[in-house]
Amino acid sequence: MNKKSLIVFLLLLVTIKAYCQRTNEYQVYALKVEDAGISAVKDIAVGAVASDSVRGSYMFWLLKGAGGRNILVDTGYLDSTKVGNSSYVRPDQLLKRMNISPSEISDVIITHCHHDHVGGISLFPKATFWIQKAEYDYYVGEAWQEKGLKMVNGDSIEIIPGIRVFTGSSHTKGSQYLLVNSNTKAGKVLLASDASWFNYNLNHLLPIPVYTFDPVTYVAAMKRMKTLMPDGDYRISGHDDIIFTKFPKVCEGVVRIDR
């Protein structure tokens, strides 16, 4: 190979690499389904002694990729009560504020099977769903159809280019959290979901008081998150409302996770 051909070849490799990086990057959004009010930190973190409080919310996340690909992390839920919280917004209505219809959601990554994270599944009939096999076996069994459902069996697996899932928090039997390639300053966003309820849990490495099989492994998972994403601005806890004042507002109830 002569010098000119080598230069052309190297430029081609650089172009291909840059293209792959762009196609495997996502813009990450948080969508608020409902306010959850204020809680004392002693009620959400075992061992907390401070008198501080945190504001909670119920949320799910949207990953917008190249070529118009729209991926959800969890689905939010449907409020079937006749007397609901006045702040509640249906997940599909939040997406419509961003000019996205439910039929445009290609994939849904389920972090775990609690109602506030999966109650809106019926809104997205065209999506492929991704779930840890252990979570499926423990909670769902034969209630799901295999069609449109992808089993994830293990830890640190890239399920979709640019999206890697991790297990081990023991929030539920097979709960998972995500590390997403993103065009943020940090290059990635960690979506903890309920592997960290609030930033307080993650910052102080204190487990939640309920809904965990093992507080020790719950804390170990949070320690790992800090290694996976050293920049605390881009570690997103599952119920901490601070995200909706910390990041740029896109429309009512929606923020873009960027600085």
C-alpha atoms as a PDB file:
ATOM      1  CA  MET A   1       0.000   0.000   0.000  1.00  0.00           C
ATOM      2  CA  ASN A   2       1.503   3.351  -1.045  1.00  0.00           C
ATOM      3  CA  LYS A   3       1.469   6.437   1.154  1.00  0.00           C
ATOM      4  CA  LYS A   4      -1.534   8.031  -0.582  1.00  0.00           C
ATOM      5  CA  SER A   5      -3.622   4.873  -0.282  1.00  0.00           C
ATOM      6  CA  LEU A   6      -2.667   4.531   3.377  1.00  0.00           C
ATOM      7  CA  ILE A   7      -3.817   8.090   4.107  1.00  0.00           C
ATOM      8  CA  VAL A   8      -7.142   7.475   2.328  1.00  0.00           C
ATOM      9  CA  PHE A   9      -7.594   4.236   4.256  1.00  0.00           C
ATOM     10  CA  LEU A  10      -6.898   5.902   7.619  1.00  0.00           C
ATOM     11  CA  LEU A  11      -9.291   8.755   6.828  1.00  0.00           C
ATOM     12  CA  LEU A  12     -11.952   6.191   5.959  1.00  0.00           C
ATOM     13  CA  LEU A  13     -11.434   4.424   9.301  1.00  0.00           C
ATOM     14  CA  VAL A  14     -11.768   7.718  11.170  1.00  0.00           C
ATOM     15  CA  THR A  15     -14.976   8.534   9.270  1.00  0.00           C
ATOM     16  CA  ILE A  16     -16.462   5.108   9.986  1.00  0.00           C
ATOM     17  CA  LYS A  17     -15.547   5.364  13.673  1.00  0.00           C
ATOM     18  CA  ALA A  18     -17.103   8.826  13.965  1.00  0.00           C
ATOM     19  CA  TYR A  19     -20.272   7.619  12.218  1.00  0.00           C
ATOM     20  CA  CYS A  20     -20.578   4.597  14.522  1.00  0.00           C
ATOM     21  CA  GLN A  21     -20.139   6.798  17.578  1.00  0.00           C
ATOM     22  CA  ARG A  22     -22.925   9.102  16.386  1.00  0.00           C
ATOM     23  CA  THR A  23     -25.322   6.247  15.611  1.00  0.00           C
ATOM     24  CA  ASN A  24     -24.669   4.689  19.016  1.00  0.00           C
ATOM     25  CA  GLU A  25     -25.284   7.898  20.965  1.00  0.00           C
ATOM     26  CA  TYR A  26     -28.573   8.979  22.475  1.00  0.00           C
ATOM     27  CA  GLN A  27     -30.106  12.149  23.769  1.00  0.00           C
ATOM     28  CA  VAL A  28     -31.594  11.284  27.138  1.00  0.00           C
ATOM     29  CA  TYR A  29     -34.818  12.777  28.500  1.00  0.00           C
ATOM     30  CA  ALA A  30     -36.667  12.348  31.795  1.00  0.00           C
ATOM     31  CA  LEU A  31     -40.474  12.481  31.752  1.00  0.00           C
ATOM     32  CA  LYS A  32     -42.415  13.115  34.960  1.00  0.00           C
ATOM     33  CA  VAL A  33     -45.610  11.113  35.347  1.00  0.00           C
ATOM     34  CA  GLU A  34     -46.544  12.368  38.808  1.00  0.00           C
ATOM     35  CA  ASP A  35     -45.239  14.282  41.809  1.00  0.00           C
ATOM     36  CA  ALA A  36     -44.626  12.099  44.866  1.00  0.00           C
ATOM     37  CA  GLY A  37     -44.358  14.828  47.475  1.00  0.00           C
ATOM     38  CA  ILE A  38     -41.703  15.396  50.140  1.00  0.00           C
ATOM     39  CA  SER A  39     -40.118  12.680  52.295  1.00  0.00           C
ATOM     40  CA  ALA A  40     -37.685  12.896  55.183  1.00  0.00           C
ATOM     41  CA  VAL A  41     -34.351  11.306  54.289  1.00  0.00           C
ATOM     42  CA  LYS A  42     -34.698   8.926  57.258  1.00  0.00           C
ATOM     43  CA  ASP A  43     -37.716   7.448  55.466  1.00  0.00           C
ATOM     44  CA  ILE A  44     -35.865   6.714  52.240  1.00  0.00           C
ATOM     45  CA  ALA A  45     -32.356   5.863  53.461  1.00  0.00           C
ATOM     46  CA  VAL A  46     -31.516   3.348  56.182  1.00  0.00           C
ATOM     47  CA  GLY A  47     -29.076   4.905  58.643  1.00  0.00           C
ATOM     48  CA  ALA A  48     -29.742   8.525  57.706  1.00  0.00           C
ATOM     49  CA  VAL A  49     -29.481  10.847  60.699  1.00  0.00           C
ATOM     50  CA  ALA A  50     -29.890  14.203  58.969  1.00  0.00           C
ATOM     51  CA  SER A  51     -33.121  16.175  59.215  1.00  0.00           C
ATOM     52  CA  ASP A  52     -33.040  16.871  55.474  1.00  0.00           C
ATOM     53  CA  SER A  53     -35.870  16.065  53.122  1.00  0.00           C
ATOM     54  CA  VAL A  54     -36.163  15.161  49.446  1.00  0.00           C
ATOM     55  CA  ARG A  55     -38.864  15.697  46.862  1.00  0.00           C
ATOM     56  CA  GLY A  56     -39.874  12.640  44.904  1.00  0.00           C
ATOM     57  CA  SER A  57     -41.537  11.957  41.588  1.00  0.00           C
ATOM     58  CA  TYR A  58     -42.525   9.068  39.368  1.00  0.00           C
ATOM     59  CA  MET A  59     -40.755   9.145  36.037  1.00  0.00           C
ATOM     60  CA  PHE A  60     -39.548   7.213  33.023  1.00  0.00           C
ATOM     61  CA  TRP A  61     -36.926   8.015  30.394  1.00  0.00           C
ATOM     62  CA  LEU A  62     -36.681   8.466  26.650  1.00  0.00           C
ATOM     63  CA  LEU A  63     -33.570   7.766  24.580  1.00  0.00           C
ATOM     64  CA  LYS A  64     -33.626   9.459  21.177  1.00  0.00           C
ATOM     65  CA  GLY A  65     -31.150   7.895  18.773  1.00  0.00           C
ATOM     66  CA  ALA A  66     -29.993   8.370  15.212  1.00  0.00           C
ATOM     67  CA  GLY A  67     -32.472   7.817  12.418  1.00  0.00           C
ATOM     68  CA  GLY A  68     -35.441   8.688  14.585  1.00  0.00           C
ATOM     69  CA  ARG A  69     -35.148   5.669  16.870  1.00  0.00           C
ATOM     70  CA  ASN A  70     -37.079   6.166  20.116  1.00  0.00           C
ATOM     71  CA  ILE A  71     -36.354   3.886  23.080  1.00  0.00           C
ATOM     72  CA  LEU A  72     -38.078   4.035  26.450  1.00  0.00           C
ATOM     73  CA  VAL A  73     -36.559   3.027  29.764  1.00  0.00           C
ATOM     74  CA  ASP A  74     -39.668   1.877  31.658  1.00  0.00           C
ATOM     75  CA  THR A  75     -43.129   3.112  30.723  1.00  0.00           C
ATOM     76  CA  GLY A  76     -44.600   4.993  33.641  1.00  0.00           C
ATOM     77  CA  TYR A  77     -48.071   3.781  34.608  1.00  0.00           C
ATOM     78  CA  LEU A  78     -51.775   4.260  34.042  1.00  0.00           C
ATOM     79  CA  ASP A  79     -53.796   5.857  36.828  1.00  0.00           C
ATOM     80  CA  SER A  80     -57.053   3.910  36.918  1.00  0.00           C
ATOM     81  CA  THR A  81     -58.351   5.599  40.064  1.00  0.00           C
ATOM     82  CA  LYS A  82     -61.187   8.076  39.848  1.00  0.00           C
ATOM     83  CA  VAL A  83     -59.511  10.374  42.361  1.00  0.00           C
ATOM     84  CA  GLY A  84     -55.905  10.664  41.225  1.00  0.00           C
ATOM     85  CA  ASN A  85     -53.153  13.143  41.960  1.00  0.00           C
ATOM     86  CA  SER A  86     -53.808  16.366  40.072  1.00  0.00           C
ATOM     87  CA  SER A  87     -50.185  16.318  38.875  1.00  0.00           C
ATOM     88  CA  TYR A  88     -50.574  12.965  37.082  1.00  0.00           C
ATOM     89  CA  VAL A  89     -49.953  12.906  33.308  1.00  0.00           C
ATOM     90  CA  ARG A  90     -50.352   9.769  31.209  1.00  0.00           C
ATOM     91  CA  PRO A  91     -47.061   8.601  29.701  1.00  0.00           C
ATOM     92  CA  ASP A  92     -48.335   8.784  26.123  1.00  0.00           C
ATOM     93  CA  GLN A  93     -49.471  12.369  26.687  1.00  0.00           C
ATOM     94  CA  LEU A  94     -45.998  13.325  27.861  1.00  0.00           C
ATOM     95  CA  LEU A  95     -44.553  11.854  24.682  1.00  0.00           C
ATOM     96  CA  LYS A  96     -47.087  13.716  22.554  1.00  0.00           C
ATOM     97  CA  ARG A  97     -45.767  16.967  24.037  1.00  0.00           C
ATOM     98  CA  MET A  98     -42.531  16.004  22.284  1.00  0.00           C
ATOM     99  CA  ASN A  99     -44.379  15.139  19.067  1.00  0.00           C
ATOM    100  CA  ILE A 100     -43.786  11.407  19.552  1.00  0.00           C
ATOM    101  CA  SER A 101     -46.659   8.943  19.236  1.00  0.00           C
ATOM    102  CA  PRO A 102     -46.709   5.633  21.140  1.00  0.00           C
ATOM    103  CA  SER A 103     -46.429   3.767  17.831  1.00  0.00           C
ATOM    104  CA  GLU A 104     -43.040   5.405  17.253  1.00  0.00           C
ATOM    105  CA  ILE A 105     -41.482   3.696  20.269  1.00  0.00           C
ATOM    106  CA  SER A 106     -39.267   0.900  18.921  1.00  0.00           C
ATOM    107  CA  ASP A 107     -38.016  -0.597  22.193  1.00  0.00           C
ATOM    108  CA  VAL A 108     -38.779  -0.517  25.908  1.00  0.00           C
ATOM    109  CA  ILE A 109     -36.070  -1.501  28.406  1.00  0.00           C
ATOM    110  CA  ILE A 110     -37.717  -2.623  31.637  1.00  0.00           C
ATOM    111  CA  THR A 111     -35.599  -1.970  34.710  1.00  0.00           C
ATOM    112  CA  HIS A 112     -37.920  -3.943  36.995  1.00  0.00           C
ATOM    113  CA  CYS A 113     -41.538  -5.030  37.307  1.00  0.00           C
ATOM    114  CA  HIS A 114     -42.983  -2.621  39.864  1.00  0.00           C
ATOM    115  CA  HIS A 115     -46.232  -1.039  38.742  1.00  0.00           C
ATOM    116  CA  ASP A 116     -44.944   2.532  38.583  1.00  0.00           C
ATOM    117  CA  HIS A 117     -42.297   1.405  36.077  1.00  0.00           C
ATOM    118  CA  VAL A 118     -44.280  -1.015  33.882  1.00  0.00           C
ATOM    119  CA  GLY A 119     -47.945  -0.078  34.335  1.00  0.00           C
ATOM    120  CA  GLY A 120     -47.991   1.731  30.992  1.00  0.00           C
ATOM    121  CA  ILE A 121     -46.840  -1.224  28.874  1.00  0.00           C
ATOM    122  CA  SER A 122     -50.157  -1.484  27.034  1.00  0.00           C
ATOM    123  CA  LEU A 123     -49.602   1.983  25.545  1.00  0.00           C
ATOM    124  CA  PHE A 124     -46.763   0.720  23.328  1.00  0.00           C
ATOM    125  CA  PRO A 125     -48.029  -2.280  21.343  1.00  0.00           C
ATOM    126  CA  LYS A 126     -45.377  -2.040  18.600  1.00  0.00           C
ATOM    127  CA  ALA A 127     -42.353  -1.981  20.905  1.00  0.00           C
ATOM    128  CA  THR A 128     -39.885  -4.757  21.583  1.00  0.00           C
ATOM    129  CA  PHE A 129     -39.452  -5.209  25.337  1.00  0.00           C
ATOM    130  CA  TRP A 130     -36.147  -6.003  27.050  1.00  0.00           C
ATOM    131  CA  ILE A 131     -36.120  -7.560  30.525  1.00  0.00           C
ATOM    132  CA  GLN A 132     -33.717  -9.571  32.656  1.00  0.00           C
ATOM    133  CA  LYS A 133     -34.621 -13.267  32.536  1.00  0.00           C
ATOM    134  CA  ALA A 134     -34.433 -13.502  36.329  1.00  0.00           C
ATOM    135  CA  GLU A 135     -37.007 -10.693  36.601  1.00  0.00           C
ATOM    136  CA  TYR A 136     -39.263 -12.383  34.066  1.00  0.00           C
ATOM    137  CA  ASP A 137     -39.034 -15.755  35.795  1.00  0.00           C
ATOM    138  CA  TYR A 138     -39.693 -14.334  39.251  1.00  0.00           C
ATOM    139  CA  TYR A 139     -42.498 -11.869  38.552  1.00  0.00           C
ATOM    140  CA  VAL A 140     -44.053 -12.644  35.235  1.00  0.00           C
ATOM    141  CA  GLY A 141     -43.841 -16.310  34.337  1.00  0.00           C
ATOM    142  CA  GLU A 142     -46.168 -17.322  31.552  1.00  0.00           C
ATOM    143  CA  ALA A 143     -48.251 -14.164  31.736  1.00  0.00           C
ATOM    144  CA  TRP A 144     -46.145 -12.638  28.945  1.00  0.00           C
ATOM    145  CA  GLN A 145     -45.948 -13.767  25.359  1.00  0.00           C
ATOM    146  CA  GLU A 146     -42.513 -14.502  23.916  1.00  0.00           C
ATOM    147  CA  LYS A 147     -43.283 -12.422  20.833  1.00  0.00           C
ATOM    148  CA  GLY A 148     -41.894  -8.937  21.223  1.00  0.00           C
ATOM    149  CA  LEU A 149     -40.020  -9.815  24.420  1.00  0.00           C
ATOM    150  CA  LYS A 150     -36.216 -10.063  24.647  1.00  0.00           C
ATOM    151  CA  MET A 151     -34.654 -11.875  27.595  1.00  0.00           C
ATOM    152  CA  VAL A 152     -31.447 -10.380  28.978  1.00  0.00           C
ATOM    153  CA  ASN A 153     -29.572 -13.023  30.919  1.00  0.00           C
ATOM    154  CA  GLY A 154     -26.742 -11.470  32.874  1.00  0.00           C
ATOM    155  CA  ASP A 155     -24.715  -8.466  33.859  1.00  0.00           C
ATOM    156  CA  SER A 156     -22.850  -5.814  31.844  1.00  0.00           C
ATOM    157  CA  ILE A 157     -24.479  -6.679  28.530  1.00  0.00           C
ATOM    158  CA  GLU A 158     -24.856  -4.280  25.599  1.00  0.00           C
ATOM    159  CA  ILE A 159     -28.428  -5.056  24.551  1.00  0.00           C
ATOM    160  CA  ILE A 160     -28.686  -2.319  21.918  1.00  0.00           C
ATOM    161  CA  PRO A 161     -25.652  -0.508  20.440  1.00  0.00           C
ATOM    162  CA  GLY A 162     -24.678   2.169  22.951  1.00  0.00           C
ATOM    163  CA  ILE A 163     -26.909   0.824  25.754  1.00  0.00           C
ATOM    164  CA  ARG A 164     -25.423  -1.492  28.396  1.00  0.00           C
ATOM    165  CA  VAL A 165     -27.400  -2.972  31.296  1.00  0.00           C
ATOM    166  CA  PHE A 166     -26.133  -3.999  34.727  1.00  0.00           C
ATOM    167  CA  THR A 167     -27.626  -6.110  37.502  1.00  0.00           C
ATOM    168  CA  GLY A 168     -26.856  -6.771  41.165  1.00  0.00           C
ATOM    169  CA  SER A 169     -28.786  -4.125  43.085  1.00  0.00           C
ATOM    170  CA  SER A 170     -31.259  -6.638  44.582  1.00  0.00           C
ATOM    171  CA  HIS A 171     -34.070  -4.072  44.402  1.00  0.00           C
ATOM    172  CA  THR A 172     -36.061  -6.849  42.766  1.00  0.00           C
ATOM    173  CA  LYS A 173     -34.994 -10.343  41.762  1.00  0.00           C
ATOM    174  CA  GLY A 174     -33.674  -9.289  38.374  1.00  0.00           C
ATOM    175  CA  SER A 175     -33.733  -5.496  38.315  1.00  0.00           C
ATOM    176  CA  GLN A 176     -31.311  -3.723  36.000  1.00  0.00           C
ATOM    177  CA  TYR A 177     -29.897  -0.253  35.480  1.00  0.00           C
ATOM    178  CA  LEU A 178     -28.368   1.317  32.377  1.00  0.00           C
ATOM    179  CA  LEU A 179     -25.275   3.084  31.112  1.00  0.00           C
ATOM    180  CA  VAL A 180     -26.165   4.946  27.924  1.00  0.00           C
ATOM    181  CA  ASN A 181     -23.823   6.523  25.397  1.00  0.00           C
ATOM    182  CA  SER A 182     -24.932  10.127  25.118  1.00  0.00           C
ATOM    183  CA  ASN A 183     -23.774  13.367  23.550  1.00  0.00           C
ATOM    184  CA  THR A 184     -23.379  14.939  26.997  1.00  0.00           C
ATOM    185  CA  LYS A 185     -20.215  16.440  28.434  1.00  0.00           C
ATOM    186  CA  ALA A 186     -19.539  13.157  30.248  1.00  0.00           C
ATOM    187  CA  GLY A 187     -20.212  11.077  27.124  1.00  0.00           C
ATOM    188  CA  LYS A 188     -22.593   8.791  29.016  1.00  0.00           C
ATOM    189  CA  VAL A 189     -25.646   8.882  31.295  1.00  0.00           C
ATOM    190  CA  LEU A 190     -26.266   6.337  34.045  1.00  0.00           C
ATOM    191  CA  LEU A 191     -29.966   5.641  34.580  1.00  0.00           C
ATOM    192  CA  ALA A 192     -30.099   4.009  37.994  1.00  0.00           C
ATOM    193  CA  SER A 193     -33.876   3.639  38.098  1.00  0.00           C
ATOM    194  CA  ASP A 194     -34.727   2.172  41.519  1.00  0.00           C
ATOM    195  CA  ALA A 195     -31.220   0.801  42.060  1.00  0.00           C
ATOM    196  CA  SER A 196     -30.951   4.245  43.677  1.00  0.00           C
ATOM    197  CA  TRP A 197     -34.190   5.854  44.788  1.00  0.00           C
ATOM    198  CA  PHE A 198     -32.716   9.279  45.468  1.00  0.00           C
ATOM    199  CA  ASN A 199     -29.385  11.034  45.052  1.00  0.00           C
ATOM    200  CA  TYR A 200     -29.169  10.981  48.838  1.00  0.00           C
ATOM    201  CA  ASN A 201     -29.021   7.170  48.794  1.00  0.00           C
ATOM    202  CA  LEU A 202     -26.300   7.185  46.160  1.00  0.00           C
ATOM    203  CA  ASN A 203     -24.246  10.039  47.574  1.00  0.00           C
ATOM    204  CA  HIS A 204     -24.263   8.600  51.109  1.00  0.00           C
ATOM    205  CA  LEU A 205     -24.311   4.912  50.070  1.00  0.00           C
ATOM    206  CA  LEU A 206     -27.351   4.189  52.218  1.00  0.00           C
ATOM    207  CA  PRO A 207     -29.847   1.468  51.203  1.00  0.00           C
ATOM    208  CA  ILE A 208     -33.561   1.977  50.870  1.00  0.00           C
ATOM    209  CA  PRO A 209     -35.678   0.795  53.847  1.00  0.00           C
ATOM    210  CA  VAL A 210     -37.988  -1.483  51.849  1.00  0.00           C
ATOM    211  CA  TYR A 211     -38.161  -3.214  48.460  1.00  0.00           C
ATOM    212  CA  THR A 212     -34.717  -4.769  48.459  1.00  0.00           C
ATOM    213  CA  PHE A 213     -33.732  -8.405  48.838  1.00  0.00           C
ATOM    214  CA  ASP A 214     -30.331  -7.504  50.264  1.00  0.00           C
ATOM    215  CA  PRO A 215     -29.249  -4.055  51.565  1.00  0.00           C
ATOM    216  CA  VAL A 216     -25.562  -5.037  51.299  1.00  0.00           C
ATOM    217  CA  THR A 217     -25.711  -5.769  47.580  1.00  0.00           C
ATOM    218  CA  TYR A 218     -27.896  -2.707  47.080  1.00  0.00           C
ATOM    219  CA  VAL A 219     -25.080  -0.549  48.460  1.00  0.00           C
ATOM    220  CA  ALA A 220     -22.473  -2.494  46.485  1.00  0.00           C
ATOM    221  CA  ALA A 221     -24.376  -1.691  43.293  1.00  0.00           C
ATOM    222  CA  MET A 222     -24.375   2.016  44.141  1.00  0.00           C
ATOM    223  CA  LYS A 223     -20.615   1.894  44.724  1.00  0.00           C
ATOM    224  CA  ARG A 224     -20.263   0.336  41.289  1.00  0.00           C
ATOM    225  CA  MET A 225     -22.398   3.076  39.749  1.00  0.00           C
ATOM    226  CA  LYS A 226     -19.958   5.682  41.037  1.00  0.00           C
ATOM    227  CA  THR A 227     -17.166   3.821  39.258  1.00  0.00           C
ATOM    228  CA  LEU A 228     -19.143   3.442  36.055  1.00  0.00           C
ATOM    229  CA  MET A 229     -20.094   7.143  36.050  1.00  0.00           C
ATOM    230  CA  PRO A 230     -17.736   9.301  38.150  1.00  0.00           C
ATOM    231  CA  ASP A 231     -19.611  12.507  37.256  1.00  0.00           C
ATOM    232  CA  GLY A 232     -22.484  12.743  39.730  1.00  0.00           C
ATOM    233  CA  ASP A 233     -24.443  15.083  37.469  1.00  0.00           C
ATOM    234  CA  TYR A 234     -25.062  12.202  35.098  1.00  0.00           C
ATOM    235  CA  ARG A 235     -26.073   9.557  37.631  1.00  0.00           C
ATOM    236  CA  ILE A 236     -29.876   9.674  37.523  1.00  0.00           C
ATOM    237  CA  SER A 237     -31.763   8.216  40.499  1.00  0.00           C
ATOM    238  CA  GLY A 238     -35.167   6.686  39.927  1.00  0.00           C
ATOM    239  CA  HIS A 239     -37.401   8.950  42.024  1.00  0.00           C
ATOM    240  CA  ASP A 240     -35.449  12.136  42.750  1.00  0.00           C
ATOM    241  CA  ASP A 241     -37.460  15.121  41.564  1.00  0.00           C
ATOM    242  CA  ILE A 242     -34.377  17.352  41.566  1.00  0.00           C
ATOM    243  CA  ILE A 243     -33.744  16.244  37.991  1.00  0.00           C
ATOM    244  CA  PHE A 244     -36.648  18.421  36.829  1.00  0.00           C
ATOM    245  CA  THR A 245     -35.034  21.587  38.177  1.00  0.00           C
ATOM    246  CA  LYS A 246     -31.438  20.616  37.417  1.00  0.00           C
ATOM    247  CA  PHE A 247     -31.647  20.078  33.654  1.00  0.00           C
ATOM    248  CA  PRO A 248     -33.021  22.113  30.719  1.00  0.00           C
ATOM    249  CA  LYS A 249     -36.793  22.037  30.358  1.00  0.00           C
ATOM    250  CA  VAL A 250     -38.021  20.800  26.969  1.00  0.00           C
ATOM    251  CA  CYS A 251     -41.735  21.116  27.689  1.00  0.00           C
ATOM    252  CA  GLU A 252     -43.977  20.765  30.733  1.00  0.00           C
ATOM    253  CA  GLY A 253     -42.935  17.640  32.635  1.00  0.00           C
ATOM    254  CA  VAL A 254     -39.936  16.846  30.402  1.00  0.00           C
ATOM    255  CA  VAL A 255     -36.245  17.716  30.762  1.00  0.00           C
ATOM    256  CA  ARG A 256     -33.228  16.935  28.592  1.00  0.00           C
ATOM    257  CA  ILE A 257     -30.381  15.376  30.546  1.00  0.00           C
ATOM    258  CA  ASP A 258     -27.535  17.652  29.550  1.00  0.00           C
ATOM    259  CA  ARG A 259     -25.608  20.589  31.008  1.00  0.00           C
END
